[in-house]
Amino acid sequence: MNVSYKKLWKLLIDRGMKKKDLRVSSGISTNALAKLGRNECVTTDVLVKVCKALDCDIPDIMEITKDTTRD
């Protein structure tokens, strides 16, 4: 399973926000923002801060996708 934050980036575009605006308004670290940009796992605290800043729910900013590659 993989995590995707494509919905978050689309939401920012729709609201005319930049990643820096999100970081400042939500109070997340630059490291957490970088992890979101790389579709890496972040803490629930980070997701809650982002949702509070954007006034949305977690399914509005992320989704879990099936891993199509096999080792």
PDB file of N, CA and C in Angstrom:
ATOM      1  N   MET A   1       0.836  -1.185   0.000  1.00  0.00           N
ATOM      2  CA  MET A   1       0.000   0.000   0.000  1.00  0.00           C
ATOM      3  C   MET A   1       0.881   1.248   0.000  1.00  0.00           C
ATOM      4  N   ASN A   2       0.448   2.240  -0.716  1.00  0.00           N
ATOM      5  CA  ASN A   2       1.153   3.514  -0.807  1.00  0.00           C
ATOM      6  C   ASN A   2       0.228   4.648  -0.402  1.00  0.00           C
ATOM      7  N   VAL A   3       0.826   5.733   0.050  1.00  0.00           N
ATOM      8  CA  VAL A   3       0.076   6.927   0.415  1.00  0.00           C
ATOM      9  C   VAL A   3       0.249   7.952  -0.696  1.00  0.00           C
ATOM     10  N   SER A   4      -0.825   8.633  -1.057  1.00  0.00           N
ATOM     11  CA  SER A   4      -0.774   9.678  -2.074  1.00  0.00           C
ATOM     12  C   SER A   4      -1.437  10.945  -1.537  1.00  0.00           C
ATOM     13  N   TYR A   5      -0.751  12.070  -1.714  1.00  0.00           N
ATOM     14  CA  TYR A   5      -1.278  13.363  -1.281  1.00  0.00           C
ATOM     15  C   TYR A   5      -1.680  14.232  -2.471  1.00  0.00           C
ATOM     16  N   LYS A   6      -1.985  13.607  -3.604  1.00  0.00           N
ATOM     17  CA  LYS A   6      -2.404  14.360  -4.791  1.00  0.00           C
ATOM     18  C   LYS A   6      -3.617  15.240  -4.503  1.00  0.00           C
ATOM     19  N   LYS A   7      -4.522  14.729  -3.678  1.00  0.00           N
ATOM     20  CA  LYS A   7      -5.722  15.504  -3.332  1.00  0.00           C
ATOM     21  C   LYS A   7      -5.347  16.780  -2.589  1.00  0.00           C
ATOM     22  N   LEU A   8      -4.324  16.716  -1.753  1.00  0.00           N
ATOM     23  CA  LEU A   8      -3.862  17.904  -1.025  1.00  0.00           C
ATOM     24  C   LEU A   8      -3.350  18.955  -1.999  1.00  0.00           C
ATOM     25  N   TRP A   9      -2.526  18.551  -2.941  1.00  0.00           N
ATOM     26  CA  TRP A   9      -1.948  19.520  -3.892  1.00  0.00           C
ATOM     27  C   TRP A   9      -3.029  20.119  -4.782  1.00  0.00           C
ATOM     28  N   LYS A  10      -4.003  19.316  -5.165  1.00  0.00           N
ATOM     29  CA  LYS A  10      -5.121  19.840  -5.964  1.00  0.00           C
ATOM     30  C   LYS A  10      -5.922  20.853  -5.148  1.00  0.00           C
ATOM     31  N   LEU A  11      -6.148  20.549  -3.870  1.00  0.00           N
ATOM     32  CA  LEU A  11      -6.887  21.448  -2.991  1.00  0.00           C
ATOM     33  C   LEU A  11      -6.156  22.785  -2.840  1.00  0.00           C
ATOM     34  N   LEU A  12      -4.835  22.720  -2.716  1.00  0.00           N
ATOM     35  CA  LEU A  12      -4.055  23.964  -2.617  1.00  0.00           C
ATOM     36  C   LEU A  12      -4.185  24.786  -3.889  1.00  0.00           C
ATOM     37  N   ILE A  13      -4.118  24.143  -5.033  1.00  0.00           N
ATOM     38  CA  ILE A  13      -4.265  24.848  -6.318  1.00  0.00           C
ATOM     39  C   ILE A  13      -5.641  25.493  -6.404  1.00  0.00           C
ATOM     40  N   ASP A  14      -6.673  24.735  -6.038  1.00  0.00           N
ATOM     41  CA  ASP A  14      -8.037  25.259  -6.091  1.00  0.00           C
ATOM     42  C   ASP A  14      -8.221  26.477  -5.193  1.00  0.00           C
ATOM     43  N   ARG A  15      -7.491  26.518  -4.090  1.00  0.00           N
ATOM     44  CA  ARG A  15      -7.616  27.630  -3.139  1.00  0.00           C
ATOM     45  C   ARG A  15      -6.582  28.732  -3.378  1.00  0.00           C
ATOM     46  N   GLY A  16      -5.756  28.556  -4.382  1.00  0.00           N
ATOM     47  CA  GLY A  16      -4.754  29.568  -4.703  1.00  0.00           C
ATOM     48  C   GLY A  16      -3.654  29.674  -3.660  1.00  0.00           C
ATOM     49  N   MET A  17      -3.339  28.563  -3.019  1.00  0.00           N
ATOM     50  CA  MET A  17      -2.312  28.545  -1.977  1.00  0.00           C
ATOM     51  C   MET A  17      -1.034  27.887  -2.487  1.00  0.00           C
ATOM     52  N   LYS A  18       0.078  28.303  -1.909  1.00  0.00           N
ATOM     53  CA  LYS A  18       1.360  27.669  -2.190  1.00  0.00           C
ATOM     54  C   LYS A  18       1.717  26.785  -1.006  1.00  0.00           C
ATOM     55  N   LYS A  19       2.694  25.910  -1.210  1.00  0.00           N
ATOM     56  CA  LYS A  19       3.112  25.012  -0.129  1.00  0.00           C
ATOM     57  C   LYS A  19       3.579  25.808   1.086  1.00  0.00           C
ATOM     58  N   LYS A  20       4.255  26.910   0.842  1.00  0.00           N
ATOM     59  CA  LYS A  20       4.729  27.745   1.941  1.00  0.00           C
ATOM     60  C   LYS A  20       3.545  28.291   2.745  1.00  0.00           C
ATOM     61  N   ASP A  21       2.487  28.696   2.051  1.00  0.00           N
ATOM     62  CA  ASP A  21       1.282  29.189   2.736  1.00  0.00           C
ATOM     63  C   ASP A  21       0.708  28.113   3.641  1.00  0.00           C
ATOM     64  N   LEU A  22       0.680  26.879   3.154  1.00  0.00           N
ATOM     65  CA  LEU A  22       0.170  25.765   3.945  1.00  0.00           C
ATOM     66  C   LEU A  22       1.043  25.542   5.174  1.00  0.00           C
ATOM     67  N   ARG A  23       2.351  25.578   4.980  1.00  0.00           N
ATOM     68  CA  ARG A  23       3.270  25.356   6.093  1.00  0.00           C
ATOM     69  C   ARG A  23       3.080  26.402   7.189  1.00  0.00           C
ATOM     70  N   VAL A  24       2.945  27.655   6.789  1.00  0.00           N
ATOM     71  CA  VAL A  24       2.780  28.733   7.764  1.00  0.00           C
ATOM     72  C   VAL A  24       1.424  28.650   8.459  1.00  0.00           C
ATOM     73  N   SER A  25       0.358  28.440   7.688  1.00  0.00           N
ATOM     74  CA  SER A  25      -0.986  28.438   8.278  1.00  0.00           C
ATOM     75  C   SER A  25      -1.252  27.222   9.158  1.00  0.00           C
ATOM     76  N   SER A  26      -0.597  26.111   8.850  1.00  0.00           N
ATOM     77  CA  SER A  26      -0.832  24.895   9.624  1.00  0.00           C
ATOM     78  C   SER A  26       0.172  24.718  10.758  1.00  0.00           C
ATOM     79  N   GLY A  27       1.314  25.351  10.639  1.00  0.00           N
ATOM     80  CA  GLY A  27       2.336  25.213  11.671  1.00  0.00           C
ATOM     81  C   GLY A  27       3.142  23.939  11.578  1.00  0.00           C
ATOM     82  N   ILE A  28       3.148  23.289  10.404  1.00  0.00           N
ATOM     83  CA  ILE A  28       3.947  22.073  10.243  1.00  0.00           C
ATOM     84  C   ILE A  28       5.383  22.459   9.878  1.00  0.00           C
ATOM     85  N   SER A  29       6.289  21.546  10.079  1.00  0.00           N
ATOM     86  CA  SER A  29       7.698  21.809   9.795  1.00  0.00           C
ATOM     87  C   SER A  29       7.986  21.663   8.297  1.00  0.00           C
ATOM     88  N   THR A  30       9.128  22.214   7.894  1.00  0.00           N
ATOM     89  CA  THR A  30       9.537  22.065   6.497  1.00  0.00           C
ATOM     90  C   THR A  30       9.816  20.593   6.194  1.00  0.00           C
ATOM     91  N   ASN A  31      10.284  19.861   7.196  1.00  0.00           N
ATOM     92  CA  ASN A  31      10.542  18.432   7.021  1.00  0.00           C
ATOM     93  C   ASN A  31       9.248  17.674   6.750  1.00  0.00           C
ATOM     94  N   ALA A  32       8.194  17.989   7.507  1.00  0.00           N
ATOM     95  CA  ALA A  32       6.901  17.334   7.297  1.00  0.00           C
ATOM     96  C   ALA A  32       6.354  17.671   5.914  1.00  0.00           C
ATOM     97  N   LEU A  33       6.505  18.920   5.498  1.00  0.00           N
ATOM     98  CA  LEU A  33       6.032  19.326   4.170  1.00  0.00           C
ATOM     99  C   LEU A  33       6.800  18.586   3.079  1.00  0.00           C
ATOM    100  N   ALA A  34       8.095  18.406   3.284  1.00  0.00           N
ATOM    101  CA  ALA A  34       8.906  17.667   2.310  1.00  0.00           C
ATOM    102  C   ALA A  34       8.448  16.211   2.216  1.00  0.00           C
ATOM    103  N   LYS A  35       8.123  15.609   3.358  1.00  0.00           N
ATOM    104  CA  LYS A  35       7.627  14.228   3.347  1.00  0.00           C
ATOM    105  C   LYS A  35       6.302  14.130   2.596  1.00  0.00           C
ATOM    106  N   LEU A  36       5.428  15.114   2.802  1.00  0.00           N
ATOM    107  CA  LEU A  36       4.160  15.128   2.062  1.00  0.00           C
ATOM    108  C   LEU A  36       4.439  15.214   0.557  1.00  0.00           C
ATOM    109  N   GLY A  37       5.409  16.026   0.194  1.00  0.00           N
ATOM    110  CA  GLY A  37       5.757  16.185  -1.222  1.00  0.00           C
ATOM    111  C   GLY A  37       6.307  14.923  -1.853  1.00  0.00           C
ATOM    112  N   ARG A  38       6.899  14.056  -1.030  1.00  0.00           N
ATOM    113  CA  ARG A  38       7.449  12.793  -1.527  1.00  0.00           C
ATOM    114  C   ARG A  38       6.502  11.619  -1.302  1.00  0.00           C
ATOM    115  N   ASN A  39       5.255  11.915  -0.904  1.00  0.00           N
ATOM    116  CA  ASN A  39       4.257  10.873  -0.623  1.00  0.00           C
ATOM    117  C   ASN A  39       4.754   9.876   0.410  1.00  0.00           C
ATOM    118  N   GLU A  40       5.440  10.390   1.430  1.00  0.00           N
ATOM    119  CA  GLU A  40       5.909   9.549   2.522  1.00  0.00           C
ATOM    120  C   GLU A  40       4.923   9.640   3.681  1.00  0.00           C
ATOM    121  N   CYS A  41       5.017   8.702   4.591  1.00  0.00           N
ATOM    122  CA  CYS A  41       4.142   8.699   5.771  1.00  0.00           C
ATOM    123  C   CYS A  41       4.526   9.835   6.715  1.00  0.00           C
ATOM    124  N   VAL A  42       3.526  10.483   7.263  1.00  0.00           N
ATOM    125  CA  VAL A  42       3.719  11.516   8.270  1.00  0.00           C
ATOM    126  C   VAL A  42       2.846  11.164   9.471  1.00  0.00           C
ATOM    127  N   THR A  43       3.055  11.848  10.574  1.00  0.00           N
ATOM    128  CA  THR A  43       2.274  11.554  11.771  1.00  0.00           C
ATOM    129  C   THR A  43       0.836  12.041  11.607  1.00  0.00           C
ATOM    130  N   THR A  44      -0.014  11.471  12.419  1.00  0.00           N
ATOM    131  CA  THR A  44      -1.411  11.895  12.425  1.00  0.00           C
ATOM    132  C   THR A  44      -1.510  13.360  12.836  1.00  0.00           C
ATOM    133  N   ASP A  45      -0.625  13.811  13.718  1.00  0.00           N
ATOM    134  CA  ASP A  45      -0.623  15.211  14.143  1.00  0.00           C
ATOM    135  C   ASP A  45      -0.452  16.151  12.958  1.00  0.00           C
ATOM    136  N   VAL A  46       0.439  15.796  12.044  1.00  0.00           N
ATOM    137  CA  VAL A  46       0.662  16.621  10.855  1.00  0.00           C
ATOM    138  C   VAL A  46      -0.603  16.668  10.011  1.00  0.00           C
ATOM    139  N   LEU A  47      -1.226  15.521   9.797  1.00  0.00           N
ATOM    140  CA  LEU A  47      -2.443  15.477   8.988  1.00  0.00           C
ATOM    141  C   LEU A  47      -3.564  16.299   9.624  1.00  0.00           C
ATOM    142  N   VAL A  48      -3.684  16.221  10.939  1.00  0.00           N
ATOM    143  CA  VAL A  48      -4.721  16.982  11.641  1.00  0.00           C
ATOM    144  C   VAL A  48      -4.456  18.478  11.520  1.00  0.00           C
ATOM    145  N   LYS A  49      -3.201  18.904  11.654  1.00  0.00           N
ATOM    146  CA  LYS A  49      -2.862  20.326  11.504  1.00  0.00           C
ATOM    147  C   LYS A  49      -3.210  20.836  10.110  1.00  0.00           C
ATOM    148  N   VAL A  50      -2.900  20.032   9.098  1.00  0.00           N
ATOM    149  CA  VAL A  50      -3.207  20.413   7.715  1.00  0.00           C
ATOM    150  C   VAL A  50      -4.717  20.521   7.529  1.00  0.00           C
ATOM    151  N   CYS A  51      -5.448  19.546   8.052  1.00  0.00           N
ATOM    152  CA  CYS A  51      -6.905  19.561   7.914  1.00  0.00           C
ATOM    153  C   CYS A  51      -7.527  20.757   8.633  1.00  0.00           C
ATOM    154  N   LYS A  52      -7.024  21.096   9.802  1.00  0.00           N
ATOM    155  CA  LYS A  52      -7.535  22.262  10.522  1.00  0.00           C
ATOM    156  C   LYS A  52      -7.267  23.539   9.732  1.00  0.00           C
ATOM    157  N   ALA A  53      -6.071  23.655   9.166  1.00  0.00           N
ATOM    158  CA  ALA A  53      -5.718  24.849   8.405  1.00  0.00           C
ATOM    159  C   ALA A  53      -6.576  24.998   7.153  1.00  0.00           C
ATOM    160  N   LEU A  54      -6.927  23.874   6.533  1.00  0.00           N
ATOM    161  CA  LEU A  54      -7.701  23.909   5.291  1.00  0.00           C
ATOM    162  C   LEU A  54      -9.201  23.697   5.525  1.00  0.00           C
ATOM    163  N   ASP A  55      -9.586  23.453   6.773  1.00  0.00           N
ATOM    164  CA  ASP A  55     -10.976  23.202   7.128  1.00  0.00           C
ATOM    165  C   ASP A  55     -11.552  22.063   6.285  1.00  0.00           C
ATOM    166  N   CYS A  56     -10.889  20.909   6.386  1.00  0.00           N
ATOM    167  CA  CYS A  56     -11.310  19.739   5.621  1.00  0.00           C
ATOM    168  C   CYS A  56     -11.061  18.482   6.450  1.00  0.00           C
ATOM    169  N   ASP A  57     -11.360  17.321   5.892  1.00  0.00           N
ATOM    170  CA  ASP A  57     -11.135  16.043   6.550  1.00  0.00           C
ATOM    171  C   ASP A  57      -9.976  15.305   5.880  1.00  0.00           C
ATOM    172  N   ILE A  58      -9.447  14.301   6.558  1.00  0.00           N
ATOM    173  CA  ILE A  58      -8.301  13.554   6.038  1.00  0.00           C
ATOM    174  C   ILE A  58      -8.553  12.960   4.649  1.00  0.00           C
ATOM    175  N   PRO A  59      -9.723  12.375   4.364  1.00  0.00           N
ATOM    176  CA  PRO A  59      -9.926  11.843   3.003  1.00  0.00           C
ATOM    177  C   PRO A  59      -9.898  12.924   1.912  1.00  0.00           C
ATOM    178  N   ASP A  60     -10.015  14.193   2.310  1.00  0.00           N
ATOM    179  CA  ASP A  60      -9.949  15.283   1.340  1.00  0.00           C
ATOM    180  C   ASP A  60      -8.517  15.593   0.915  1.00  0.00           C
ATOM    181  N   ILE A  61      -7.526  15.112   1.681  1.00  0.00           N
ATOM    182  CA  ILE A  61      -6.141  15.456   1.377  1.00  0.00           C
ATOM    183  C   ILE A  61      -5.262  14.262   1.040  1.00  0.00           C
ATOM    184  N   MET A  62      -5.715  13.060   1.342  1.00  0.00           N
ATOM    185  CA  MET A  62      -4.870  11.895   1.065  1.00  0.00           C
ATOM    186  C   MET A  62      -5.701  10.676   0.693  1.00  0.00           C
ATOM    187  N   GLU A  63      -5.023   9.716   0.093  1.00  0.00           N
ATOM    188  CA  GLU A  63      -5.636   8.435  -0.189  1.00  0.00           C
ATOM    189  C   GLU A  63      -4.582   7.344  -0.132  1.00  0.00           C
ATOM    190  N   ILE A  64      -5.023   6.149   0.104  1.00  0.00           N
ATOM    191  CA  ILE A  64      -4.132   4.996   0.126  1.00  0.00           C
ATOM    192  C   ILE A  64      -4.371   4.213  -1.158  1.00  0.00           C
ATOM    193  N   THR A  65      -3.292   3.950  -1.873  1.00  0.00           N
ATOM    194  CA  THR A  65      -3.393   3.244  -3.140  1.00  0.00           C
ATOM    195  C   THR A  65      -2.687   1.899  -3.026  1.00  0.00           C
ATOM    196  N   LYS A  66      -3.113   0.969  -3.853  1.00  0.00           N
ATOM    197  CA  LYS A  66      -2.489  -0.344  -3.850  1.00  0.00           C
ATOM    198  C   LYS A  66      -1.138  -0.270  -4.565  1.00  0.00           C
ATOM    199  N   ASP A  67      -0.203  -1.018  -4.031  1.00  0.00           N
ATOM    200  CA  ASP A  67       1.128  -1.101  -4.622  1.00  0.00           C
ATOM    201  C   ASP A  67       1.062  -2.062  -5.798  1.00  0.00           C
ATOM    202  N   THR A  68       1.381  -1.575  -6.979  1.00  0.00           N
ATOM    203  CA  THR A  68       1.290  -2.419  -8.186  1.00  0.00           C
ATOM    204  C   THR A  68       2.597  -3.107  -8.514  1.00  0.00           C
ATOM    205  N   THR A  69       3.669  -2.758  -7.796  1.00  0.00           N
ATOM    206  CA  THR A  69       4.949  -3.393  -8.068  1.00  0.00           C
ATOM    207  C   THR A  69       5.190  -4.517  -7.075  1.00  0.00           C
ATOM    208  N   ARG A  70       5.863  -5.526  -7.524  1.00  0.00           N
ATOM    209  CA  ARG A  70       6.196  -6.670  -6.659  1.00  0.00           C
ATOM    210  C   ARG A  70       7.712  -6.783  -6.580  1.00  0.00           C
ATOM    211  N   ASP A  71       8.212  -7.199  -5.435  1.00  0.00           N
ATOM    212  CA  ASP A  71       9.652  -7.368  -5.258  1.00  0.00           C
ATOM    213  C   ASP A  71      10.128  -8.692  -5.799  1.00  0.00           C
TER     214      ASP A  71
END
